[in-house]
Amino acid sequence: MQTHTEDLIYDYVFGFLDEEDTRRVEVEASADTAYAAKLAEAQKLMLHLSLLAPEQEPSDRCKEQLFAHFANGGRFATFLDRVSSMFAFSVDEIRGFFAGLDDESSWDPGPTEGLALWLHHGEPVMEGGLMGFVRMQPGVTFPYHRHLGQEHLLVLSGGYRNDMNGNIYWPGDDDFCDPETEHTITCVSQIPCIAAFVIREGMEFPGFGE
């Protein structure tokens, strides 16, 4: 049976949805392989249709909307204010950070294959703390670790399971872990999971590499 979110696929592809329905489609695509395939097929069809259309110069309004989209933080624009508050940076600074997340050179290899990290190494990070973004490929688990202070993650795309409690987090969800807790997290989405994080006082990896 066709679901309401399936009815939204083509509206999503053509950019007609509001913020709430856009997030519903993205969450569904992250969680359901079949749904993600339907969305990809719709996007492919739109590309083919655009290639068949007569070539013409985009309107000034179209250009303005496109430039505004990237100027406002691109695909993560919805999270500008929340990450600004989380990192204690201005919205303009976070916009610059977001611009780099689609640039592979911005990422450093993580502790295991399939993981990448974007770390901020300056103020206003608390002494010994960590701040930045983590990217996990589908099915990849971030290694078992212990929090020396509170950990706060905000999912920007994809989704992961907190293996400490079994909860699953999707775009827009916050996840807080108390000091001295230990866990792994596993990407459960069909696309890479990207999350912003702040870990006060850092973390340890018991037994890692032994």
N, C-alpha and C. Protein backbone atom coordinates (compact mmCIF):
# COMPACT_ATOMS: atom_id res chain seq x y z
N MET A 1 0.85 -1.19 0.00
CA MET A 1 0.00 0.00 0.00
C MET A 1 0.89 1.25 0.00
N GLN A 2 0.50 2.21 -0.76
CA GLN A 2 1.30 3.43 -0.87
C GLN A 2 1.12 4.28 0.38
N THR A 3 2.20 4.75 0.96
CA THR A 3 2.13 5.57 2.16
C THR A 3 2.07 7.04 1.78
N HIS A 4 1.76 7.85 2.79
CA HIS A 4 1.69 9.29 2.54
C HIS A 4 3.04 9.83 2.11
N THR A 5 4.13 9.31 2.71
CA THR A 5 5.45 9.81 2.34
C THR A 5 5.81 9.43 0.90
N GLU A 6 5.28 8.31 0.40
CA GLU A 6 5.51 7.96 -1.00
C GLU A 6 4.81 8.97 -1.91
N ASP A 7 3.66 9.47 -1.47
CA ASP A 7 2.97 10.51 -2.24
C ASP A 7 3.81 11.79 -2.33
N LEU A 8 4.74 11.96 -1.39
CA LEU A 8 5.52 13.20 -1.33
C LEU A 8 6.81 13.15 -2.15
N ILE A 9 7.14 11.99 -2.70
CA ILE A 9 8.44 11.83 -3.36
C ILE A 9 8.67 12.86 -4.46
N TYR A 10 7.71 13.01 -5.36
CA TYR A 10 7.93 13.93 -6.48
C TYR A 10 7.88 15.39 -6.04
N ASP A 11 7.06 15.68 -5.03
CA ASP A 11 7.08 17.04 -4.49
C ASP A 11 8.44 17.34 -3.87
N TYR A 12 9.05 16.32 -3.25
CA TYR A 12 10.39 16.48 -2.67
C TYR A 12 11.41 16.75 -3.77
N VAL A 13 11.35 15.94 -4.83
CA VAL A 13 12.31 16.07 -5.93
C VAL A 13 12.25 17.45 -6.57
N PHE A 14 11.04 17.99 -6.68
CA PHE A 14 10.88 19.30 -7.32
C PHE A 14 10.98 20.46 -6.33
N GLY A 15 11.24 20.15 -5.05
CA GLY A 15 11.46 21.21 -4.07
C GLY A 15 10.22 21.93 -3.61
N PHE A 16 9.06 21.23 -3.63
CA PHE A 16 7.80 21.87 -3.28
C PHE A 16 7.42 21.71 -1.80
N LEU A 17 8.17 20.93 -1.03
CA LEU A 17 7.76 20.59 0.33
C LEU A 17 8.23 21.63 1.35
N ASP A 18 7.47 21.72 2.44
CA ASP A 18 7.91 22.56 3.55
C ASP A 18 8.95 21.80 4.37
N GLU A 19 9.48 22.45 5.38
CA GLU A 19 10.58 21.86 6.17
C GLU A 19 10.17 20.55 6.84
N GLU A 20 8.95 20.50 7.39
CA GLU A 20 8.51 19.30 8.11
C GLU A 20 8.40 18.09 7.18
N ASP A 21 7.76 18.26 6.02
CA ASP A 21 7.60 17.14 5.10
C ASP A 21 8.93 16.76 4.44
N THR A 22 9.79 17.74 4.21
CA THR A 22 11.13 17.44 3.67
C THR A 22 11.87 16.51 4.62
N ARG A 23 11.81 16.80 5.92
CA ARG A 23 12.48 15.96 6.90
C ARG A 23 11.84 14.57 6.94
N ARG A 24 10.52 14.48 6.80
CA ARG A 24 9.85 13.17 6.82
C ARG A 24 10.36 12.29 5.68
N VAL A 25 10.49 12.89 4.50
CA VAL A 25 10.98 12.12 3.34
C VAL A 25 12.42 11.67 3.58
N GLU A 26 13.28 12.56 4.09
CA GLU A 26 14.68 12.22 4.29
C GLU A 26 14.86 11.15 5.37
N VAL A 27 14.06 11.22 6.43
CA VAL A 27 14.12 10.20 7.48
C VAL A 27 13.67 8.85 6.93
N GLU A 28 12.58 8.85 6.15
CA GLU A 28 12.08 7.60 5.56
C GLU A 28 13.12 6.99 4.62
N ALA A 29 13.77 7.84 3.83
CA ALA A 29 14.79 7.34 2.89
C ALA A 29 16.00 6.79 3.63
N SER A 30 16.32 7.37 4.79
CA SER A 30 17.44 6.89 5.58
C SER A 30 17.16 5.52 6.20
N ALA A 31 15.87 5.25 6.49
CA ALA A 31 15.51 4.04 7.23
C ALA A 31 15.07 2.89 6.34
N ASP A 32 14.61 3.17 5.12
CA ASP A 32 13.97 2.15 4.28
C ASP A 32 14.68 2.07 2.92
N THR A 33 15.31 0.94 2.65
CA THR A 33 16.05 0.77 1.40
C THR A 33 15.14 0.90 0.18
N ALA A 34 13.95 0.29 0.25
CA ALA A 34 13.03 0.33 -0.89
C ALA A 34 12.57 1.76 -1.16
N TYR A 35 12.29 2.49 -0.09
CA TYR A 35 11.86 3.88 -0.24
C TYR A 35 12.99 4.72 -0.82
N ALA A 36 14.22 4.50 -0.34
CA ALA A 36 15.38 5.23 -0.86
C ALA A 36 15.56 4.96 -2.35
N ALA A 37 15.28 3.71 -2.77
CA ALA A 37 15.40 3.37 -4.19
C ALA A 37 14.36 4.12 -5.02
N LYS A 38 13.13 4.23 -4.50
CA LYS A 38 12.08 4.97 -5.21
C LYS A 38 12.45 6.45 -5.34
N LEU A 39 13.02 6.99 -4.26
CA LEU A 39 13.43 8.39 -4.29
C LEU A 39 14.55 8.60 -5.30
N ALA A 40 15.52 7.69 -5.33
CA ALA A 40 16.62 7.78 -6.28
C ALA A 40 16.12 7.68 -7.72
N GLU A 41 15.13 6.80 -7.95
CA GLU A 41 14.56 6.66 -9.29
C GLU A 41 13.85 7.94 -9.72
N ALA A 42 13.14 8.56 -8.79
CA ALA A 42 12.46 9.82 -9.10
C ALA A 42 13.47 10.92 -9.42
N GLN A 43 14.57 10.95 -8.68
CA GLN A 43 15.61 11.95 -8.94
C GLN A 43 16.28 11.71 -10.29
N LYS A 44 16.47 10.43 -10.63
CA LYS A 44 17.06 10.08 -11.92
C LYS A 44 16.12 10.50 -13.06
N LEU A 45 14.81 10.27 -12.88
CA LEU A 45 13.83 10.66 -13.89
C LEU A 45 13.84 12.17 -14.08
N MET A 46 13.92 12.92 -12.98
CA MET A 46 13.96 14.37 -13.09
C MET A 46 15.19 14.82 -13.88
N LEU A 47 16.33 14.15 -13.64
CA LEU A 47 17.55 14.48 -14.38
C LEU A 47 17.37 14.23 -15.87
N HIS A 48 16.77 13.09 -16.23
CA HIS A 48 16.54 12.77 -17.64
C HIS A 48 15.62 13.80 -18.29
N LEU A 49 14.57 14.18 -17.57
CA LEU A 49 13.64 15.17 -18.10
C LEU A 49 14.34 16.51 -18.33
N SER A 50 15.23 16.85 -17.39
CA SER A 50 15.93 18.14 -17.54
C SER A 50 16.86 18.13 -18.75
N LEU A 51 17.41 16.94 -19.08
CA LEU A 51 18.30 16.84 -20.24
C LEU A 51 17.52 16.91 -21.55
N LEU A 52 16.24 16.50 -21.51
CA LEU A 52 15.40 16.55 -22.71
C LEU A 52 14.83 17.94 -22.97
N ALA A 53 14.78 18.75 -21.93
CA ALA A 53 14.19 20.07 -22.07
C ALA A 53 15.09 20.98 -22.91
N PRO A 54 14.49 21.91 -23.65
CA PRO A 54 15.29 22.85 -24.45
C PRO A 54 16.24 23.63 -23.54
N GLU A 55 17.46 23.80 -24.02
CA GLU A 55 18.44 24.53 -23.22
C GLU A 55 18.06 26.00 -23.14
N GLN A 56 18.08 26.53 -21.94
CA GLN A 56 17.76 27.94 -21.77
C GLN A 56 18.47 28.49 -20.54
N GLU A 57 18.66 29.77 -20.54
CA GLU A 57 19.31 30.45 -19.43
C GLU A 57 18.37 30.47 -18.22
N PRO A 58 18.85 30.06 -17.03
CA PRO A 58 18.00 30.12 -15.84
C PRO A 58 17.56 31.55 -15.57
N SER A 59 16.36 31.67 -15.03
CA SER A 59 15.86 33.00 -14.71
C SER A 59 16.66 33.60 -13.56
N ASP A 60 16.60 34.92 -13.44
CA ASP A 60 17.30 35.58 -12.35
C ASP A 60 16.78 35.09 -11.00
N ARG A 61 15.47 34.85 -10.93
CA ARG A 61 14.88 34.37 -9.67
C ARG A 61 15.42 32.98 -9.31
N CYS A 62 15.54 32.12 -10.33
CA CYS A 62 16.09 30.78 -10.10
C CYS A 62 17.52 30.86 -9.59
N LYS A 63 18.32 31.73 -10.20
CA LYS A 63 19.71 31.90 -9.76
C LYS A 63 19.77 32.41 -8.32
N GLU A 64 18.90 33.37 -8.02
CA GLU A 64 18.89 33.94 -6.67
C GLU A 64 18.55 32.88 -5.63
N GLN A 65 17.56 32.01 -5.96
CA GLN A 65 17.17 30.96 -5.03
C GLN A 65 18.29 29.94 -4.84
N LEU A 66 18.98 29.60 -5.93
CA LEU A 66 20.07 28.64 -5.86
C LEU A 66 21.22 29.19 -5.03
N PHE A 67 21.61 30.43 -5.30
CA PHE A 67 22.71 31.04 -4.55
C PHE A 67 22.33 31.20 -3.08
N ALA A 68 21.06 31.55 -2.83
CA ALA A 68 20.61 31.72 -1.45
C ALA A 68 20.65 30.40 -0.70
N HIS A 69 20.34 29.31 -1.41
CA HIS A 69 20.36 27.98 -0.78
C HIS A 69 21.75 27.67 -0.23
N PHE A 70 22.79 27.89 -1.04
CA PHE A 70 24.14 27.59 -0.60
C PHE A 70 24.64 28.64 0.39
N ALA A 71 24.25 29.89 0.19
CA ALA A 71 24.67 30.94 1.11
C ALA A 71 24.09 30.73 2.49
N ASN A 72 22.92 30.08 2.57
CA ASN A 72 22.24 29.88 3.84
C ASN A 72 22.59 28.57 4.52
N GLY A 73 23.60 27.87 4.02
CA GLY A 73 24.02 26.65 4.69
C GLY A 73 23.75 25.38 3.92
N GLY A 74 23.25 25.49 2.68
CA GLY A 74 23.03 24.31 1.85
C GLY A 74 22.06 23.33 2.47
N ARG A 75 22.36 22.04 2.33
CA ARG A 75 21.42 21.01 2.77
C ARG A 75 21.28 20.92 4.28
N PHE A 76 22.18 21.56 5.02
CA PHE A 76 22.09 21.53 6.48
C PHE A 76 21.59 22.86 7.05
N ALA A 77 21.05 23.73 6.20
CA ALA A 77 20.63 25.06 6.64
C ALA A 77 19.65 25.01 7.80
N THR A 78 18.81 23.97 7.84
CA THR A 78 17.82 23.82 8.91
C THR A 78 18.48 23.82 10.29
N PHE A 79 19.74 23.39 10.35
CA PHE A 79 20.40 23.19 11.64
C PHE A 79 21.35 24.32 12.02
N LEU A 80 21.37 25.40 11.25
CA LEU A 80 22.32 26.48 11.51
C LEU A 80 22.22 27.01 12.94
N ASP A 81 21.02 27.37 13.37
CA ASP A 81 20.85 27.96 14.70
C ASP A 81 21.19 26.97 15.81
N ARG A 82 20.80 25.72 15.63
CA ARG A 82 21.03 24.73 16.68
C ARG A 82 22.52 24.40 16.84
N VAL A 83 23.23 24.27 15.72
CA VAL A 83 24.66 23.99 15.82
C VAL A 83 25.42 25.23 16.30
N SER A 84 24.93 26.41 15.93
CA SER A 84 25.53 27.65 16.42
C SER A 84 25.47 27.69 17.95
N SER A 85 24.32 27.35 18.51
CA SER A 85 24.16 27.32 19.96
C SER A 85 25.00 26.21 20.59
N MET A 86 25.01 25.07 19.94
CA MET A 86 25.74 23.90 20.45
C MET A 86 27.25 24.15 20.49
N PHE A 87 27.80 24.78 19.44
CA PHE A 87 29.23 25.02 19.34
C PHE A 87 29.66 26.36 19.94
N ALA A 88 28.69 27.24 20.23
CA ALA A 88 29.00 28.60 20.70
C ALA A 88 29.77 29.39 19.65
N PHE A 89 29.37 29.21 18.38
CA PHE A 89 29.89 29.98 17.26
C PHE A 89 28.74 30.78 16.64
N SER A 90 29.09 31.81 15.88
CA SER A 90 28.06 32.58 15.18
C SER A 90 27.46 31.74 14.06
N VAL A 91 26.26 32.12 13.63
CA VAL A 91 25.60 31.43 12.52
C VAL A 91 26.47 31.50 11.26
N ASP A 92 27.10 32.64 11.01
CA ASP A 92 27.96 32.77 9.83
C ASP A 92 29.13 31.80 9.88
N GLU A 93 29.70 31.61 11.07
CA GLU A 93 30.82 30.67 11.20
C GLU A 93 30.35 29.24 10.95
N ILE A 94 29.18 28.88 11.47
CA ILE A 94 28.64 27.54 11.25
C ILE A 94 28.32 27.34 9.78
N ARG A 95 27.83 28.38 9.12
CA ARG A 95 27.56 28.30 7.68
C ARG A 95 28.84 27.93 6.93
N GLY A 96 29.96 28.51 7.36
CA GLY A 96 31.24 28.17 6.74
C GLY A 96 31.64 26.73 7.01
N PHE A 97 31.38 26.26 8.24
CA PHE A 97 31.67 24.86 8.55
C PHE A 97 30.85 23.93 7.66
N PHE A 98 29.55 24.22 7.55
CA PHE A 98 28.66 23.38 6.73
C PHE A 98 29.14 23.32 5.29
N ALA A 99 29.65 24.44 4.79
CA ALA A 99 30.09 24.48 3.39
C ALA A 99 31.22 23.48 3.14
N GLY A 100 31.98 23.16 4.18
CA GLY A 100 33.09 22.24 4.01
C GLY A 100 32.73 20.78 4.16
N LEU A 101 31.52 20.48 4.63
CA LEU A 101 31.17 19.09 4.91
C LEU A 101 31.00 18.25 3.64
N ASP A 102 30.75 18.90 2.51
CA ASP A 102 30.65 18.17 1.25
C ASP A 102 31.98 18.15 0.48
N ASP A 103 33.02 18.67 1.12
CA ASP A 103 34.37 18.67 0.53
C ASP A 103 35.18 17.57 1.20
N GLU A 104 35.52 16.54 0.45
CA GLU A 104 36.20 15.38 1.04
C GLU A 104 37.50 15.75 1.72
N SER A 105 38.16 16.81 1.23
CA SER A 105 39.44 17.21 1.83
C SER A 105 39.27 17.79 3.23
N SER A 106 38.03 18.11 3.62
CA SER A 106 37.78 18.66 4.95
C SER A 106 37.82 17.58 6.03
N TRP A 107 37.71 16.32 5.62
CA TRP A 107 37.59 15.22 6.57
C TRP A 107 38.92 14.51 6.79
N ASP A 108 39.14 14.09 8.04
CA ASP A 108 40.29 13.26 8.38
C ASP A 108 39.82 11.83 8.63
N PRO A 109 40.67 10.84 8.34
CA PRO A 109 40.28 9.45 8.61
C PRO A 109 39.97 9.25 10.09
N GLY A 110 38.94 8.46 10.38
CA GLY A 110 38.59 8.16 11.76
C GLY A 110 39.40 7.00 12.30
N PRO A 111 39.07 6.55 13.52
CA PRO A 111 39.85 5.47 14.15
C PRO A 111 39.71 4.12 13.47
N THR A 112 38.65 3.92 12.68
CA THR A 112 38.47 2.67 11.94
C THR A 112 37.98 2.98 10.53
N GLU A 113 38.05 2.00 9.65
CA GLU A 113 37.61 2.19 8.27
C GLU A 113 36.12 2.52 8.21
N GLY A 114 35.77 3.46 7.34
CA GLY A 114 34.37 3.86 7.20
C GLY A 114 33.97 5.01 8.08
N LEU A 115 34.92 5.52 8.87
CA LEU A 115 34.67 6.66 9.75
C LEU A 115 35.54 7.83 9.32
N ALA A 116 34.98 9.04 9.41
CA ALA A 116 35.75 10.25 9.13
C ALA A 116 35.38 11.30 10.16
N LEU A 117 36.33 12.18 10.48
CA LEU A 117 36.13 13.20 11.49
C LEU A 117 36.50 14.57 10.95
N TRP A 118 35.72 15.56 11.36
CA TRP A 118 36.01 16.97 11.10
C TRP A 118 36.11 17.60 12.47
N LEU A 119 37.32 17.91 12.92
CA LEU A 119 37.54 18.40 14.28
C LEU A 119 37.89 19.88 14.29
N HIS A 120 37.33 20.60 15.26
CA HIS A 120 37.71 22.00 15.47
C HIS A 120 38.78 22.03 16.55
N HIS A 121 39.88 22.73 16.26
CA HIS A 121 41.03 22.69 17.17
C HIS A 121 41.31 24.04 17.84
N GLY A 122 40.33 24.90 17.96
CA GLY A 122 40.58 26.20 18.58
C GLY A 122 39.51 26.55 19.58
N GLU A 123 39.49 27.81 19.98
CA GLU A 123 38.44 28.29 20.87
C GLU A 123 37.10 28.21 20.14
N PRO A 124 35.96 28.08 20.82
CA PRO A 124 35.83 28.07 22.28
C PRO A 124 35.72 26.69 22.89
N VAL A 125 36.37 25.67 22.32
CA VAL A 125 36.31 24.34 22.90
C VAL A 125 36.89 24.34 24.31
N MET A 126 36.19 23.71 25.25
CA MET A 126 36.68 23.62 26.61
C MET A 126 37.96 22.78 26.65
N GLU A 127 38.82 23.03 27.63
CA GLU A 127 40.10 22.33 27.70
C GLU A 127 39.89 20.82 27.74
N GLY A 128 40.57 20.11 26.85
CA GLY A 128 40.46 18.66 26.82
C GLY A 128 39.26 18.14 26.08
N GLY A 129 38.37 19.03 25.66
CA GLY A 129 37.14 18.60 25.00
C GLY A 129 37.32 18.44 23.50
N LEU A 130 36.29 17.92 22.88
CA LEU A 130 36.28 17.70 21.43
C LEU A 130 35.01 18.29 20.84
N MET A 131 35.14 18.86 19.65
CA MET A 131 34.01 19.47 18.96
C MET A 131 34.20 19.30 17.47
N GLY A 132 33.13 18.97 16.76
CA GLY A 132 33.23 18.84 15.31
C GLY A 132 32.11 18.01 14.74
N PHE A 133 32.43 17.23 13.71
CA PHE A 133 31.44 16.41 13.02
C PHE A 133 32.03 15.02 12.80
N VAL A 134 31.17 14.02 12.87
CA VAL A 134 31.57 12.65 12.58
C VAL A 134 30.74 12.15 11.41
N ARG A 135 31.35 11.36 10.54
CA ARG A 135 30.64 10.76 9.40
C ARG A 135 30.88 9.25 9.43
N MET A 136 29.79 8.50 9.45
CA MET A 136 29.87 7.04 9.48
C MET A 136 29.20 6.49 8.23
N GLN A 137 29.88 5.60 7.54
CA GLN A 137 29.29 4.94 6.38
C GLN A 137 28.25 3.92 6.84
N PRO A 138 27.28 3.56 5.98
CA PRO A 138 26.24 2.61 6.37
C PRO A 138 26.83 1.32 6.94
N GLY A 139 26.29 0.90 8.09
CA GLY A 139 26.71 -0.33 8.73
C GLY A 139 27.95 -0.23 9.59
N VAL A 140 28.63 0.91 9.56
CA VAL A 140 29.88 1.07 10.31
C VAL A 140 29.59 1.44 11.77
N THR A 141 30.39 0.91 12.67
CA THR A 141 30.26 1.18 14.10
C THR A 141 31.42 2.04 14.59
N PHE A 142 31.09 3.11 15.31
CA PHE A 142 32.13 3.91 15.97
C PHE A 142 32.62 3.11 17.18
N PRO A 143 33.94 2.97 17.37
CA PRO A 143 34.47 2.07 18.39
C PRO A 143 33.97 2.37 19.81
N TYR A 144 34.01 1.34 20.62
CA TYR A 144 33.63 1.41 22.03
C TYR A 144 34.47 2.48 22.73
N HIS A 145 33.79 3.40 23.42
CA HIS A 145 34.52 4.48 24.07
C HIS A 145 33.82 4.91 25.36
N ARG A 146 34.59 5.59 26.21
CA ARG A 146 34.09 6.09 27.50
C ARG A 146 34.12 7.62 27.48
N HIS A 147 33.04 8.24 27.94
CA HIS A 147 32.95 9.70 27.98
C HIS A 147 33.53 10.22 29.30
N LEU A 148 34.50 11.12 29.21
CA LEU A 148 35.05 11.74 30.41
C LEU A 148 34.19 12.90 30.88
N GLY A 149 33.40 13.45 29.97
CA GLY A 149 32.41 14.48 30.29
C GLY A 149 31.16 14.19 29.48
N GLN A 150 30.20 15.10 29.51
CA GLN A 150 28.96 14.87 28.76
C GLN A 150 29.22 14.89 27.25
N GLU A 151 28.58 13.98 26.54
CA GLU A 151 28.63 13.94 25.08
C GLU A 151 27.28 14.39 24.53
N HIS A 152 27.30 15.26 23.53
CA HIS A 152 26.08 15.74 22.87
C HIS A 152 26.26 15.57 21.37
N LEU A 153 25.37 14.81 20.75
CA LEU A 153 25.37 14.66 19.30
C LEU A 153 24.05 15.17 18.74
N LEU A 154 24.11 15.79 17.56
CA LEU A 154 22.94 16.24 16.81
C LEU A 154 23.06 15.67 15.41
N VAL A 155 22.11 14.84 15.02
CA VAL A 155 22.18 14.19 13.71
C VAL A 155 21.79 15.17 12.61
N LEU A 156 22.62 15.28 11.57
CA LEU A 156 22.35 16.16 10.43
C LEU A 156 21.83 15.38 9.23
N SER A 157 22.31 14.16 9.03
CA SER A 157 21.82 13.33 7.93
C SER A 157 22.01 11.86 8.30
N GLY A 158 21.22 10.99 7.66
CA GLY A 158 21.30 9.58 7.98
C GLY A 158 20.77 9.30 9.37
N GLY A 159 21.21 8.20 9.95
CA GLY A 159 20.76 7.84 11.28
C GLY A 159 21.68 6.81 11.91
N TYR A 160 21.69 6.75 13.25
CA TYR A 160 22.52 5.78 13.95
C TYR A 160 21.78 5.21 15.15
N ARG A 161 22.26 4.05 15.62
CA ARG A 161 21.74 3.42 16.83
C ARG A 161 22.75 3.61 17.95
N ASN A 162 22.28 4.12 19.09
CA ASN A 162 23.11 4.20 20.29
C ASN A 162 23.07 2.82 20.93
N ASP A 163 24.16 2.08 20.86
CA ASP A 163 24.15 0.69 21.32
C ASP A 163 24.12 0.57 22.84
N MET A 164 24.19 1.69 23.55
CA MET A 164 24.08 1.67 25.01
C MET A 164 22.63 1.42 25.43
N ASN A 165 21.68 2.01 24.66
CA ASN A 165 20.27 1.89 25.04
C ASN A 165 19.38 1.39 23.90
N GLY A 166 19.95 1.21 22.71
CA GLY A 166 19.17 0.71 21.58
C GLY A 166 18.36 1.77 20.86
N ASN A 167 18.41 3.02 21.32
CA ASN A 167 17.64 4.08 20.67
C ASN A 167 18.26 4.43 19.32
N ILE A 168 17.39 4.79 18.37
CA ILE A 168 17.84 5.18 17.03
C ILE A 168 17.55 6.66 16.83
N TYR A 169 18.51 7.36 16.27
CA TYR A 169 18.44 8.81 16.11
C TYR A 169 18.52 9.18 14.64
N TRP A 170 17.62 10.10 14.24
CA TRP A 170 17.50 10.53 12.85
C TRP A 170 17.76 12.04 12.74
N PRO A 171 17.80 12.60 11.52
CA PRO A 171 18.09 14.03 11.38
C PRO A 171 17.22 14.91 12.28
N GLY A 172 17.89 15.78 13.03
CA GLY A 172 17.19 16.67 13.95
C GLY A 172 17.13 16.17 15.37
N ASP A 173 17.51 14.91 15.61
CA ASP A 173 17.48 14.34 16.96
C ASP A 173 18.76 14.68 17.72
N ASP A 174 18.59 15.01 19.01
CA ASP A 174 19.72 15.19 19.93
C ASP A 174 19.93 13.91 20.72
N ASP A 175 21.17 13.61 21.05
CA ASP A 175 21.51 12.44 21.86
C ASP A 175 22.53 12.89 22.89
N PHE A 176 22.18 12.74 24.17
CA PHE A 176 23.07 13.13 25.26
C PHE A 176 23.52 11.90 26.04
N CYS A 177 24.81 11.81 26.34
CA CYS A 177 25.35 10.72 27.16
C CYS A 177 26.10 11.34 28.34
N ASP A 178 25.86 10.80 29.53
CA ASP A 178 26.45 11.35 30.75
C ASP A 178 27.92 10.97 30.89
N PRO A 179 28.66 11.72 31.73
CA PRO A 179 30.06 11.36 32.00
C PRO A 179 30.16 9.94 32.55
N GLU A 180 31.24 9.27 32.19
CA GLU A 180 31.57 7.91 32.64
C GLU A 180 30.70 6.83 31.99
N THR A 181 29.81 7.19 31.06
CA THR A 181 29.08 6.16 30.32
C THR A 181 29.96 5.66 29.18
N GLU A 182 29.67 4.44 28.72
CA GLU A 182 30.45 3.81 27.66
C GLU A 182 29.51 3.21 26.63
N HIS A 183 29.89 3.28 25.35
CA HIS A 183 29.03 2.71 24.32
C HIS A 183 29.74 2.68 22.97
N THR A 184 29.04 2.10 22.00
CA THR A 184 29.35 2.24 20.58
C THR A 184 28.13 2.84 19.92
N ILE A 185 28.30 3.40 18.72
CA ILE A 185 27.15 3.83 17.91
C ILE A 185 27.34 3.26 16.51
N THR A 186 26.23 2.88 15.88
CA THR A 186 26.27 2.19 14.59
C THR A 186 25.36 2.88 13.59
N CYS A 187 25.88 3.17 12.41
CA CYS A 187 25.08 3.79 11.35
C CYS A 187 24.07 2.78 10.84
N VAL A 188 22.77 3.12 10.92
CA VAL A 188 21.71 2.20 10.49
C VAL A 188 21.01 2.69 9.22
N SER A 189 21.42 3.82 8.69
CA SER A 189 20.78 4.37 7.50
C SER A 189 21.44 3.84 6.23
N GLN A 190 20.76 4.04 5.11
CA GLN A 190 21.28 3.61 3.82
C GLN A 190 22.23 4.64 3.21
N ILE A 191 22.34 5.79 3.85
CA ILE A 191 23.27 6.84 3.44
C ILE A 191 24.20 7.11 4.61
N PRO A 192 25.36 7.75 4.38
CA PRO A 192 26.25 8.06 5.50
C PRO A 192 25.54 8.90 6.56
N CYS A 193 25.83 8.62 7.80
CA CYS A 193 25.30 9.42 8.91
C CYS A 193 26.32 10.49 9.26
N ILE A 194 25.86 11.74 9.28
CA ILE A 194 26.70 12.86 9.69
C ILE A 194 26.07 13.49 10.92
N ALA A 195 26.86 13.68 11.97
CA ALA A 195 26.36 14.27 13.21
C ALA A 195 27.36 15.29 13.73
N ALA A 196 26.83 16.39 14.26
CA ALA A 196 27.66 17.35 14.99
C ALA A 196 27.83 16.82 16.41
N PHE A 197 28.99 17.09 17.03
CA PHE A 197 29.18 16.60 18.39
C PHE A 197 30.01 17.57 19.22
N VAL A 198 29.73 17.55 20.52
CA VAL A 198 30.56 18.22 21.52
C VAL A 198 30.76 17.21 22.64
N ILE A 199 32.01 16.93 22.98
CA ILE A 199 32.32 16.01 24.08
C ILE A 199 33.16 16.78 25.09
N ARG A 200 32.59 17.07 26.22
CA ARG A 200 33.30 17.81 27.25
C ARG A 200 34.33 16.91 27.93
N GLU A 201 35.55 17.42 28.03
CA GLU A 201 36.66 16.73 28.68
C GLU A 201 37.15 15.50 27.91
N GLY A 202 36.64 15.28 26.70
CA GLY A 202 37.18 14.23 25.85
C GLY A 202 36.63 12.85 26.14
N MET A 203 37.31 11.82 25.58
CA MET A 203 36.87 10.44 25.75
C MET A 203 38.07 9.51 25.68
N GLU A 204 37.85 8.26 26.13
CA GLU A 204 38.87 7.23 26.10
C GLU A 204 38.35 6.03 25.32
N PHE A 205 39.28 5.23 24.79
CA PHE A 205 38.93 4.03 24.04
C PHE A 205 39.51 2.81 24.77
N PRO A 206 38.79 2.27 25.76
CA PRO A 206 39.31 1.13 26.53
C PRO A 206 39.60 -0.06 25.62
N GLY A 207 40.83 -0.55 25.66
CA GLY A 207 41.19 -1.74 24.92
C GLY A 207 41.38 -1.55 23.44
N PHE A 208 41.18 -0.33 22.92
CA PHE A 208 41.27 -0.13 21.47
C PHE A 208 42.72 -0.28 21.02
N GLY A 209 42.90 -1.11 19.97
CA GLY A 209 44.22 -1.30 19.40
C GLY A 209 45.08 -2.32 20.13
N GLU A 210 44.53 -2.92 21.20
CA GLU A 210 45.32 -3.90 21.94
C GLU A 210 45.30 -5.25 21.22
